[in-house]
Protein backbone atom coordinates (compact mmCIF):
# COMPACT_ATOMS: atom_id res chain seq x y z
CA MET A 1 121.18 65.84 27.63
CA ASP A 2 124.42 66.05 27.01
CA THR A 3 125.17 70.28 27.72
CA ARG A 4 128.74 70.65 25.74
CA ILE A 5 126.58 69.67 22.95
CA ALA A 6 123.86 71.94 23.14
CA VAL A 7 125.65 74.99 24.00
CA ARG A 8 127.66 74.39 20.90
CA ALA A 9 124.64 73.47 18.85
CA ALA A 10 122.86 76.97 20.18
CA LEU A 11 125.78 79.03 19.83
CA LYS A 12 126.75 77.64 16.56
CA ALA A 13 122.31 78.67 15.82
CA GLY A 14 122.39 81.76 17.25
CA ALA A 15 125.62 82.97 15.28
CA LEU A 16 124.07 82.26 11.92
CA GLY A 17 120.39 83.49 13.54
CA VAL A 18 121.22 86.56 13.08
CA PHE A 19 121.50 85.87 9.08
CA ILE A 20 118.70 83.90 9.50
CA GLY A 21 116.55 86.22 11.65
CA MET A 22 116.39 89.26 8.67
CA ILE A 23 113.74 86.68 7.16
CA PRO A 24 111.11 88.22 9.44
CA VAL A 25 109.75 85.81 12.33
CA LEU A 26 110.12 82.84 10.71
CA GLY A 27 113.88 83.71 10.63
CA ILE A 28 114.01 82.74 14.20
CA ALA A 29 111.95 79.81 14.82
CA LEU A 30 114.47 78.20 11.92
CA THR A 31 117.19 79.45 14.29
CA GLY A 32 115.74 76.77 16.88
CA ALA A 33 115.11 74.44 14.85
CA LEU A 34 118.83 74.64 14.16
CA ALA A 35 120.16 74.44 17.23
CA VAL A 36 118.07 70.91 17.62
CA PHE A 37 119.37 70.07 14.26
CA PHE A 38 123.26 70.55 15.60
CA TYR A 39 122.17 69.03 18.11
CA ARG A 40 120.80 66.54 16.64
CA ARG A 41 123.74 66.00 14.27
CA GLU A 42 126.48 65.89 17.05
CA ASN A 43 124.67 63.44 20.01
CA GLY A 44 122.45 61.19 17.55
CA PHE A 45 119.85 61.30 18.80
CA VAL A 46 116.31 64.05 18.92
CA PRO A 47 116.36 65.70 22.45
CA PRO A 48 113.03 65.70 22.93
CA ILE A 49 109.67 68.65 22.48
CA ALA A 50 110.50 70.05 26.14
CA VAL A 51 114.84 69.88 26.16
CA ALA A 52 114.43 71.01 22.43
CA ALA A 53 112.58 74.16 23.07
CA ARG A 54 114.93 75.10 26.24
CA LEU A 55 117.56 74.56 23.10
CA GLY A 56 115.90 76.93 21.05
CA GLY A 57 115.09 79.18 23.07
CA ALA A 58 119.69 78.92 23.81
CA ALA A 59 119.78 80.10 20.26
CA GLY A 60 117.69 82.87 20.01
CA ILE A 61 119.03 84.15 23.77
CA ALA A 62 122.92 83.89 21.39
CA VAL A 63 120.90 85.89 18.44
CA PHE A 64 119.45 89.21 21.22
CA LEU A 65 123.73 88.77 22.88
CA VAL A 66 125.00 89.00 19.14
CA ASN A 67 122.84 91.40 18.36
CA ALA A 68 123.05 93.40 21.95
CA LEU A 69 126.53 94.08 21.45
CA PHE A 70 126.19 96.06 18.40
CA ILE A 71 123.03 98.39 18.98
CA ILE A 72 123.88 98.43 23.21
CA PRO A 73 126.56 100.91 22.15
CA ILE A 74 124.18 103.01 19.83
CA ILE A 75 122.70 103.82 22.65
CA VAL A 76 124.89 104.36 24.41
CA LEU A 77 127.33 106.66 22.81
CA HIS A 78 124.37 107.89 20.75
CA ALA A 79 122.34 109.59 22.47
CA GLN A 80 118.77 109.15 20.13
CA GLN A 81 118.76 112.95 18.47
CA ASP A 82 122.04 112.12 16.98
CA ILE A 83 120.58 109.05 15.36
CA LEU A 84 117.97 111.29 14.19
CA LYS A 85 120.17 114.38 12.81
CA MET A 86 122.68 111.39 11.31
CA ALA A 87 119.77 109.51 9.75
CA GLN A 88 117.95 113.14 8.19
CA ARG A 89 121.92 113.66 7.03
CA TYR A 90 122.14 110.58 4.76
CA GLY A 91 117.93 111.37 3.82
CA ILE A 92 115.99 109.31 5.67
CA ASN A 93 112.87 110.44 6.14
CA THR A 94 112.36 110.63 9.61
CA ALA A 95 108.49 111.06 9.83
CA SER A 96 107.82 107.21 8.18
CA LEU A 97 106.54 104.81 10.03
CA GLN A 98 108.37 102.02 9.16
CA PHE A 99 111.87 104.61 9.96
CA GLN A 100 109.65 105.20 13.89
CA ALA A 101 109.48 101.37 14.43
CA SER A 102 112.84 100.65 13.89
CA MET A 103 113.60 103.58 16.54
CA HIS A 104 111.89 101.92 19.00
CA LEU A 105 114.43 98.81 19.07
CA PHE A 106 116.61 101.98 20.29
CA THR A 107 115.01 101.75 23.93
CA PRO A 108 115.22 99.65 26.68
CA SER A 109 112.26 99.14 26.32
CA GLY A 110 112.28 97.79 22.60
CA LEU A 111 114.66 96.07 23.51
CA ALA A 112 113.26 94.19 25.98
CA ILE A 113 109.82 92.86 23.25
CA ASN A 114 112.85 92.36 21.45
CA PHE A 115 113.95 89.84 24.06
CA ILE A 116 111.53 88.03 24.96
CA GLY A 117 110.24 87.72 21.20
CA LEU A 118 113.09 85.76 19.87
CA LEU A 119 112.80 83.58 22.87
CA VAL A 120 109.46 82.28 22.42
CA LEU A 121 109.68 82.44 18.59
CA ALA A 122 113.20 80.42 18.99
CA SER A 123 111.22 77.81 21.43
CA VAL A 124 109.13 77.01 19.81
CA GLY A 125 110.94 76.47 16.12
CA GLY A 126 113.01 74.30 18.47
CA ALA A 127 110.07 71.84 20.03
CA LEU A 128 108.51 72.05 16.21
CA ALA A 129 112.27 70.26 14.82
CA SER A 130 112.50 68.32 17.56
CA MET A 131 108.46 66.33 16.51
CA PHE A 132 109.71 66.65 12.48
CA MET A 133 113.06 65.37 13.12
CA ARG A 134 111.33 62.85 15.09
CA PRO A 135 111.88 58.39 13.21
CA ARG A 136 108.32 57.50 12.28
CA SER A 137 106.18 54.34 12.33
CA PRO A 138 105.26 52.14 10.29
CA ARG A 139 101.86 52.03 9.37
CA VAL A 140 100.32 49.49 10.06
């Protein structure tokens, strides 16, 4: 495996994965598949399934790092109470379950769960992409 090509493919897929990740669950798996696609396009061959899973996982880590660049300053600069006050000021129903679930993301345990989820889903997406991108042998 050419590591320079793999790193570039993972970073490109991770940057796009921030936006693709808005599709719940499927978006992150597509990010891992996109990393394998970029690798194949530059290198000319499809990596084995295990390597593709690592490549997809690297893309998932890139997505997490880009998201963390936005989330961690919010945690550091604003306490959760300030976020609640600001949300109430803009008329957001802070008692709703959806808002409470999104607030869990702003905790260290929420970030850890997000990291593991991104890593697993993107790895699965990379492995599946490797399986589906392989050339098929004709049936006789």
